[in-house]
Amino acid sequence: MRLGLGLFAAATLAFFASFSSVAFAESRQLAAAVDRCENGYATDRQCERVFSLYPSETIFDFREMRCQHGGYTERFCDHIFAKLKPAWAAGSYHTRGDTYASRGYYWKAIRSLRKSVAKYDTHFARSNMALYYRVVGRLDQALVQADRAVEISSVDSPYAYHVRGRIYEALGERERAVADFREALRRDIMHESGLTELKRLGASE
């Protein structure tokens, strides 16, 4: 009788152990699917199927992350970001813009960054917009954004000056470019990019 009970208990434990292993494997597969969706590596339809397995508040977070990484339509993401606080929405638009740029969609990137600064203006967003305008050949607009970035940059940030220096260089204004690279280096003596640009232009620190 004791042997029978022992076998029953062992079988029960084995059953639950196998069930837990299957559940764990499935949860890992689901988490991997969510990660692919959030980072834009699956179709919208596939991701909606995955997201539907979660509570509604979690689905919103997943959709926001997918929007940041270039998923869904711009109109759909406008609807998602509209539910966020302005500063948070600005960050989401900024991330979406940089994602577009990394894929070579510079005009889409510029549109997203314009929406970002409309929500909450930052010198990082303005600087990146300047760089993307430079890539598409709109140096006039690039300089406008770079000037605004410098205007609102924090006192210890070299980034806006570095970007404007690159815009000036593209415009053929070497002396102004050198002045901005020097200012970037003055603000942060560890700013290697500024030092690199000065050396490349044959200018002293």
C-alpha atoms as a PDB file:
ATOM      1  CA  MET A   1       0.000   0.000   0.000  1.00  0.00           C
ATOM      2  CA  ARG A   2       2.829   2.410   0.912  1.00  0.00           C
ATOM      3  CA  LEU A   3       4.592   1.506  -2.323  1.00  0.00           C
ATOM      4  CA  GLY A   4       1.420   2.312  -4.272  1.00  0.00           C
ATOM      5  CA  LEU A   5       1.064   5.688  -2.594  1.00  0.00           C
ATOM      6  CA  GLY A   6       4.720   6.426  -3.237  1.00  0.00           C
ATOM      7  CA  LEU A   7       4.357   5.644  -6.931  1.00  0.00           C
ATOM      8  CA  PHE A   8       1.219   7.779  -7.136  1.00  0.00           C
ATOM      9  CA  ALA A   9       2.982  10.713  -5.481  1.00  0.00           C
ATOM     10  CA  ALA A  10       5.994  10.374  -7.803  1.00  0.00           C
ATOM     11  CA  ALA A  11       3.724  10.248 -10.842  1.00  0.00           C
ATOM     12  CA  THR A  12       1.835  13.322  -9.638  1.00  0.00           C
ATOM     13  CA  LEU A  13       5.042  15.277  -9.113  1.00  0.00           C
ATOM     14  CA  ALA A  14       6.317  14.223 -12.544  1.00  0.00           C
ATOM     15  CA  PHE A  15       3.057  15.390 -14.140  1.00  0.00           C
ATOM     16  CA  PHE A  16       3.201  18.822 -12.536  1.00  0.00           C
ATOM     17  CA  ALA A  17       6.891  19.132 -13.299  1.00  0.00           C
ATOM     18  CA  SER A  18       6.268  18.434 -16.982  1.00  0.00           C
ATOM     19  CA  PHE A  19       3.335  20.854 -16.980  1.00  0.00           C
ATOM     20  CA  SER A  20       5.502  23.557 -15.420  1.00  0.00           C
ATOM     21  CA  SER A  21       8.242  22.940 -17.993  1.00  0.00           C
ATOM     22  CA  VAL A  22       5.776  23.292 -20.854  1.00  0.00           C
ATOM     23  CA  ALA A  23       4.276  26.442 -19.323  1.00  0.00           C
ATOM     24  CA  PHE A  24       7.752  27.898 -18.803  1.00  0.00           C
ATOM     25  CA  ALA A  25       8.753  27.143 -22.393  1.00  0.00           C
ATOM     26  CA  GLU A  26       5.543  28.707 -23.682  1.00  0.00           C
ATOM     27  CA  SER A  27       6.026  31.813 -21.523  1.00  0.00           C
ATOM     28  CA  ARG A  28       9.560  32.210 -22.882  1.00  0.00           C
ATOM     29  CA  GLN A  29       8.304  31.864 -26.461  1.00  0.00           C
ATOM     30  CA  LEU A  30       5.609  34.448 -25.783  1.00  0.00           C
ATOM     31  CA  ALA A  31       8.121  36.852 -24.220  1.00  0.00           C
ATOM     32  CA  ALA A  32      10.372  36.435 -27.262  1.00  0.00           C
ATOM     33  CA  ALA A  33       7.421  37.159 -29.556  1.00  0.00           C
ATOM     34  CA  VAL A  34       6.607  40.330 -27.596  1.00  0.00           C
ATOM     35  CA  ASP A  35      10.235  41.441 -27.817  1.00  0.00           C
ATOM     36  CA  ARG A  36      10.244  40.959 -31.602  1.00  0.00           C
ATOM     37  CA  CYS A  37       7.027  42.952 -31.887  1.00  0.00           C
ATOM     38  CA  GLU A  38       8.208  45.805 -29.677  1.00  0.00           C
ATOM     39  CA  ASN A  39      11.357  46.136 -31.770  1.00  0.00           C
ATOM     40  CA  GLY A  40       9.563  46.111 -35.106  1.00  0.00           C
ATOM     41  CA  TYR A  41      10.559  42.624 -36.316  1.00  0.00           C
ATOM     42  CA  ALA A  42       7.069  41.258 -37.025  1.00  0.00           C
ATOM     43  CA  THR A  43       3.942  42.396 -38.846  1.00  0.00           C
ATOM     44  CA  ASP A  44       1.257  44.466 -37.151  1.00  0.00           C
ATOM     45  CA  ARG A  45      -1.227  41.603 -37.514  1.00  0.00           C
ATOM     46  CA  GLN A  46       1.133  39.086 -35.925  1.00  0.00           C
ATOM     47  CA  CYS A  47       1.816  41.446 -33.046  1.00  0.00           C
ATOM     48  CA  GLU A  48      -1.838  42.156 -32.379  1.00  0.00           C
ATOM     49  CA  ARG A  49      -2.385  38.415 -31.972  1.00  0.00           C
ATOM     50  CA  VAL A  50       0.464  38.224 -29.476  1.00  0.00           C
ATOM     51  CA  PHE A  51      -0.604  41.350 -27.586  1.00  0.00           C
ATOM     52  CA  SER A  52      -4.212  40.125 -27.309  1.00  0.00           C
ATOM     53  CA  LEU A  53      -3.022  37.501 -24.813  1.00  0.00           C
ATOM     54  CA  TYR A  54      -2.255  40.225 -22.269  1.00  0.00           C
ATOM     55  CA  PRO A  55      -4.378  42.631 -20.143  1.00  0.00           C
ATOM     56  CA  SER A  56      -5.526  45.835 -21.865  1.00  0.00           C
ATOM     57  CA  GLU A  57      -3.183  48.150 -19.917  1.00  0.00           C
ATOM     58  CA  THR A  58      -0.226  45.972 -20.893  1.00  0.00           C
ATOM     59  CA  ILE A  59      -1.347  45.972 -24.535  1.00  0.00           C
ATOM     60  CA  PHE A  60      -1.156  49.785 -24.546  1.00  0.00           C
ATOM     61  CA  ASP A  61       2.449  49.671 -23.288  1.00  0.00           C
ATOM     62  CA  PHE A  62       3.366  47.102 -25.927  1.00  0.00           C
ATOM     63  CA  ARG A  63       1.791  49.218 -28.678  1.00  0.00           C
ATOM     64  CA  GLU A  64       3.640  52.297 -27.484  1.00  0.00           C
ATOM     65  CA  MET A  65       6.949  50.445 -27.636  1.00  0.00           C
ATOM     66  CA  ARG A  66       6.161  49.115 -31.107  1.00  0.00           C
ATOM     67  CA  CYS A  67       5.286  52.629 -32.277  1.00  0.00           C
ATOM     68  CA  GLN A  68       8.610  53.909 -30.952  1.00  0.00           C
ATOM     69  CA  HIS A  69      10.417  51.337 -33.070  1.00  0.00           C
ATOM     70  CA  GLY A  70       8.661  52.066 -36.348  1.00  0.00           C
ATOM     71  CA  GLY A  71       5.675  49.730 -36.142  1.00  0.00           C
ATOM     72  CA  TYR A  72       2.067  50.578 -37.055  1.00  0.00           C
ATOM     73  CA  THR A  73       0.957  53.551 -39.146  1.00  0.00           C
ATOM     74  CA  GLU A  74       1.834  57.115 -38.194  1.00  0.00           C
ATOM     75  CA  ARG A  75      -1.855  57.903 -37.632  1.00  0.00           C
ATOM     76  CA  PHE A  76      -2.272  54.949 -35.270  1.00  0.00           C
ATOM     77  CA  CYS A  77       0.839  55.971 -33.315  1.00  0.00           C
ATOM     78  CA  ASP A  78      -0.348  59.586 -33.121  1.00  0.00           C
ATOM     79  CA  HIS A  79      -3.436  58.186 -31.382  1.00  0.00           C
ATOM     80  CA  ILE A  80      -1.282  56.173 -28.954  1.00  0.00           C
ATOM     81  CA  PHE A  81       1.121  59.016 -28.164  1.00  0.00           C
ATOM     82  CA  ALA A  82      -1.756  61.462 -27.673  1.00  0.00           C
ATOM     83  CA  LYS A  83      -2.631  59.548 -24.489  1.00  0.00           C
ATOM     84  CA  LEU A  84       0.804  60.207 -22.971  1.00  0.00           C
ATOM     85  CA  LYS A  85       2.043  63.197 -21.007  1.00  0.00           C
ATOM     86  CA  PRO A  86       3.720  65.754 -23.330  1.00  0.00           C
ATOM     87  CA  ALA A  87       7.314  65.057 -22.266  1.00  0.00           C
ATOM     88  CA  TRP A  88       6.791  61.312 -22.538  1.00  0.00           C
ATOM     89  CA  ALA A  89       5.096  61.665 -25.927  1.00  0.00           C
ATOM     90  CA  ALA A  90       8.013  63.809 -27.104  1.00  0.00           C
ATOM     91  CA  GLY A  91      10.425  61.052 -26.131  1.00  0.00           C
ATOM     92  CA  SER A  92       8.353  58.445 -27.967  1.00  0.00           C
ATOM     93  CA  TYR A  93       8.241  60.547 -31.135  1.00  0.00           C
ATOM     94  CA  HIS A  94      11.990  61.158 -30.815  1.00  0.00           C
ATOM     95  CA  THR A  95      12.725  57.439 -30.570  1.00  0.00           C
ATOM     96  CA  ARG A  96      10.441  56.718 -33.527  1.00  0.00           C
ATOM     97  CA  GLY A  97      12.213  59.397 -35.556  1.00  0.00           C
ATOM     98  CA  ASP A  98      15.659  58.016 -34.791  1.00  0.00           C
ATOM     99  CA  THR A  99      14.417  54.529 -35.688  1.00  0.00           C
ATOM    100  CA  TYR A 100      13.203  55.784 -39.054  1.00  0.00           C
ATOM    101  CA  ALA A 101      16.563  57.471 -39.660  1.00  0.00           C
ATOM    102  CA  SER A 102      18.461  54.285 -38.826  1.00  0.00           C
ATOM    103  CA  ARG A 103      16.477  52.609 -41.623  1.00  0.00           C
ATOM    104  CA  GLY A 104      17.105  55.392 -44.101  1.00  0.00           C
ATOM    105  CA  TYR A 105      13.641  57.002 -43.917  1.00  0.00           C
ATOM    106  CA  TYR A 106      14.866  60.517 -43.226  1.00  0.00           C
ATOM    107  CA  TRP A 107      11.728  62.450 -44.143  1.00  0.00           C
ATOM    108  CA  LYS A 108       9.669  60.226 -41.855  1.00  0.00           C
ATOM    109  CA  ALA A 109      12.298  60.801 -39.187  1.00  0.00           C
ATOM    110  CA  ILE A 110      11.997  64.553 -39.623  1.00  0.00           C
ATOM    111  CA  ARG A 111       8.196  64.402 -39.355  1.00  0.00           C
ATOM    112  CA  SER A 112       8.427  62.446 -36.110  1.00  0.00           C
ATOM    113  CA  LEU A 113      10.984  64.822 -34.632  1.00  0.00           C
ATOM    114  CA  ARG A 114       8.839  67.819 -35.548  1.00  0.00           C
ATOM    115  CA  LYS A 115       6.033  66.214 -33.577  1.00  0.00           C
ATOM    116  CA  SER A 116       8.475  65.583 -30.744  1.00  0.00           C
ATOM    117  CA  VAL A 117       9.543  69.215 -30.383  1.00  0.00           C
ATOM    118  CA  ALA A 118       5.915  70.343 -30.687  1.00  0.00           C
ATOM    119  CA  LYS A 119       5.190  68.304 -27.558  1.00  0.00           C
ATOM    120  CA  TYR A 120       8.336  69.193 -25.623  1.00  0.00           C
ATOM    121  CA  ASP A 121      11.316  71.015 -27.138  1.00  0.00           C
ATOM    122  CA  THR A 122      14.777  69.558 -26.507  1.00  0.00           C
ATOM    123  CA  HIS A 123      18.165  70.270 -28.012  1.00  0.00           C
ATOM    124  CA  PHE A 124      18.702  66.563 -28.678  1.00  0.00           C
ATOM    125  CA  ALA A 125      15.635  66.343 -30.903  1.00  0.00           C
ATOM    126  CA  ARG A 126      16.500  69.616 -32.665  1.00  0.00           C
ATOM    127  CA  SER A 127      20.089  68.479 -33.197  1.00  0.00           C
ATOM    128  CA  ASN A 128      19.069  65.144 -34.661  1.00  0.00           C
ATOM    129  CA  MET A 129      16.554  66.870 -36.908  1.00  0.00           C
ATOM    130  CA  ALA A 130      19.355  69.128 -38.122  1.00  0.00           C
ATOM    131  CA  LEU A 131      21.462  66.098 -38.991  1.00  0.00           C
ATOM    132  CA  TYR A 132      18.618  64.481 -40.922  1.00  0.00           C
ATOM    133  CA  TYR A 133      17.916  67.688 -42.846  1.00  0.00           C
ATOM    134  CA  ARG A 134      21.623  67.714 -43.699  1.00  0.00           C
ATOM    135  CA  VAL A 135      21.381  64.182 -45.084  1.00  0.00           C
ATOM    136  CA  VAL A 136      18.458  65.075 -47.390  1.00  0.00           C
ATOM    137  CA  GLY A 137      20.275  68.169 -48.599  1.00  0.00           C
ATOM    138  CA  ARG A 138      18.204  70.833 -46.836  1.00  0.00           C
ATOM    139  CA  LEU A 139      21.080  72.705 -45.263  1.00  0.00           C
ATOM    140  CA  ASP A 140      18.992  75.842 -44.740  1.00  0.00           C
ATOM    141  CA  GLN A 141      16.564  73.940 -42.536  1.00  0.00           C
ATOM    142  CA  ALA A 142      19.419  72.048 -40.924  1.00  0.00           C
ATOM    143  CA  LEU A 143      20.957  75.323 -39.761  1.00  0.00           C
ATOM    144  CA  VAL A 144      17.617  76.606 -38.456  1.00  0.00           C
ATOM    145  CA  GLN A 145      17.251  73.496 -36.289  1.00  0.00           C
ATOM    146  CA  ALA A 146      20.893  73.567 -35.205  1.00  0.00           C
ATOM    147  CA  ASP A 147      20.616  77.215 -34.143  1.00  0.00           C
ATOM    148  CA  ARG A 148      17.531  76.397 -32.084  1.00  0.00           C
ATOM    149  CA  ALA A 149      19.338  73.429 -30.514  1.00  0.00           C
ATOM    150  CA  VAL A 150      22.215  75.671 -29.426  1.00  0.00           C
ATOM    151  CA  GLU A 151      19.755  78.228 -28.071  1.00  0.00           C
ATOM    152  CA  ILE A 152      18.052  75.744 -25.737  1.00  0.00           C
ATOM    153  CA  SER A 153      20.988  73.455 -24.932  1.00  0.00           C
ATOM    154  CA  SER A 154      22.116  73.017 -21.358  1.00  0.00           C
ATOM    155  CA  VAL A 155      25.321  74.758 -20.309  1.00  0.00           C
ATOM    156  CA  ASP A 156      27.344  71.557 -20.049  1.00  0.00           C
ATOM    157  CA  SER A 157      26.133  69.796 -23.211  1.00  0.00           C
ATOM    158  CA  PRO A 158      28.472  69.772 -26.235  1.00  0.00           C
ATOM    159  CA  TYR A 159      26.102  67.967 -28.607  1.00  0.00           C
ATOM    160  CA  ALA A 160      24.237  70.941 -30.113  1.00  0.00           C
ATOM    161  CA  TYR A 161      27.486  72.785 -30.862  1.00  0.00           C
ATOM    162  CA  HIS A 162      29.025  69.684 -32.386  1.00  0.00           C
ATOM    163  CA  VAL A 163      26.027  69.209 -34.685  1.00  0.00           C
ATOM    164  CA  ARG A 164      25.947  72.870 -35.710  1.00  0.00           C
ATOM    165  CA  GLY A 165      29.648  72.636 -36.456  1.00  0.00           C
ATOM    166  CA  ARG A 166      28.920  69.829 -38.876  1.00  0.00           C
ATOM    167  CA  ILE A 167      26.197  71.898 -40.535  1.00  0.00           C
ATOM    168  CA  TYR A 168      28.533  74.888 -40.888  1.00  0.00           C
ATOM    169  CA  GLU A 169      31.157  72.620 -42.404  1.00  0.00           C
ATOM    170  CA  ALA A 170      28.624  71.301 -44.938  1.00  0.00           C
ATOM    171  CA  LEU A 171      27.815  74.933 -45.795  1.00  0.00           C
ATOM    172  CA  GLY A 172      31.508  75.608 -46.419  1.00  0.00           C
ATOM    173  CA  GLU A 173      31.855  77.902 -43.385  1.00  0.00           C
ATOM    174  CA  ARG A 174      35.013  76.392 -41.931  1.00  0.00           C
ATOM    175  CA  GLU A 175      35.784  79.078 -39.340  1.00  0.00           C
ATOM    176  CA  ARG A 176      32.314  78.899 -37.836  1.00  0.00           C
ATOM    177  CA  ALA A 177      32.526  75.110 -37.830  1.00  0.00           C
ATOM    178  CA  VAL A 178      35.858  75.242 -36.002  1.00  0.00           C
ATOM    179  CA  ALA A 179      34.444  77.717 -33.471  1.00  0.00           C
ATOM    180  CA  ASP A 180      31.539  75.389 -32.687  1.00  0.00           C
ATOM    181  CA  PHE A 181      33.763  72.317 -32.400  1.00  0.00           C
ATOM    182  CA  ARG A 182      35.979  74.254 -29.992  1.00  0.00           C
ATOM    183  CA  GLU A 183      32.937  75.280 -27.966  1.00  0.00           C
ATOM    184  CA  ALA A 184      31.795  71.656 -27.821  1.00  0.00           C
ATOM    185  CA  LEU A 185      35.227  70.676 -26.529  1.00  0.00           C
ATOM    186  CA  ARG A 186      35.243  73.569 -24.032  1.00  0.00           C
ATOM    187  CA  ARG A 187      31.954  72.350 -22.608  1.00  0.00           C
ATOM    188  CA  ASP A 188      33.264  68.822 -22.268  1.00  0.00           C
ATOM    189  CA  ILE A 189      37.017  68.250 -22.472  1.00  0.00           C
ATOM    190  CA  MET A 190      36.306  64.524 -22.901  1.00  0.00           C
ATOM    191  CA  HIS A 191      34.216  65.178 -26.020  1.00  0.00           C
ATOM    192  CA  GLU A 192      36.283  63.083 -28.415  1.00  0.00           C
ATOM    193  CA  SER A 193      34.135  63.852 -31.465  1.00  0.00           C
ATOM    194  CA  GLY A 194      34.893  67.567 -31.194  1.00  0.00           C
ATOM    195  CA  LEU A 195      38.608  66.852 -30.925  1.00  0.00           C
ATOM    196  CA  THR A 196      38.437  64.508 -33.903  1.00  0.00           C
ATOM    197  CA  GLU A 197      36.673  67.129 -36.025  1.00  0.00           C
ATOM    198  CA  LEU A 198      39.232  69.808 -35.125  1.00  0.00           C
ATOM    199  CA  LYS A 199      42.119  67.529 -36.042  1.00  0.00           C
ATOM    200  CA  ARG A 200      40.434  66.595 -39.307  1.00  0.00           C
ATOM    201  CA  LEU A 201      40.046  70.293 -40.181  1.00  0.00           C
ATOM    202  CA  GLY A 202      43.644  70.995 -39.229  1.00  0.00           C
ATOM    203  CA  ALA A 203      42.673  73.317 -36.379  1.00  0.00           C
ATOM    204  CA  SER A 204      44.092  73.534 -32.889  1.00  0.00           C
ATOM    205  CA  GLU A 205      42.069  72.977 -29.758  1.00  0.00           C
END
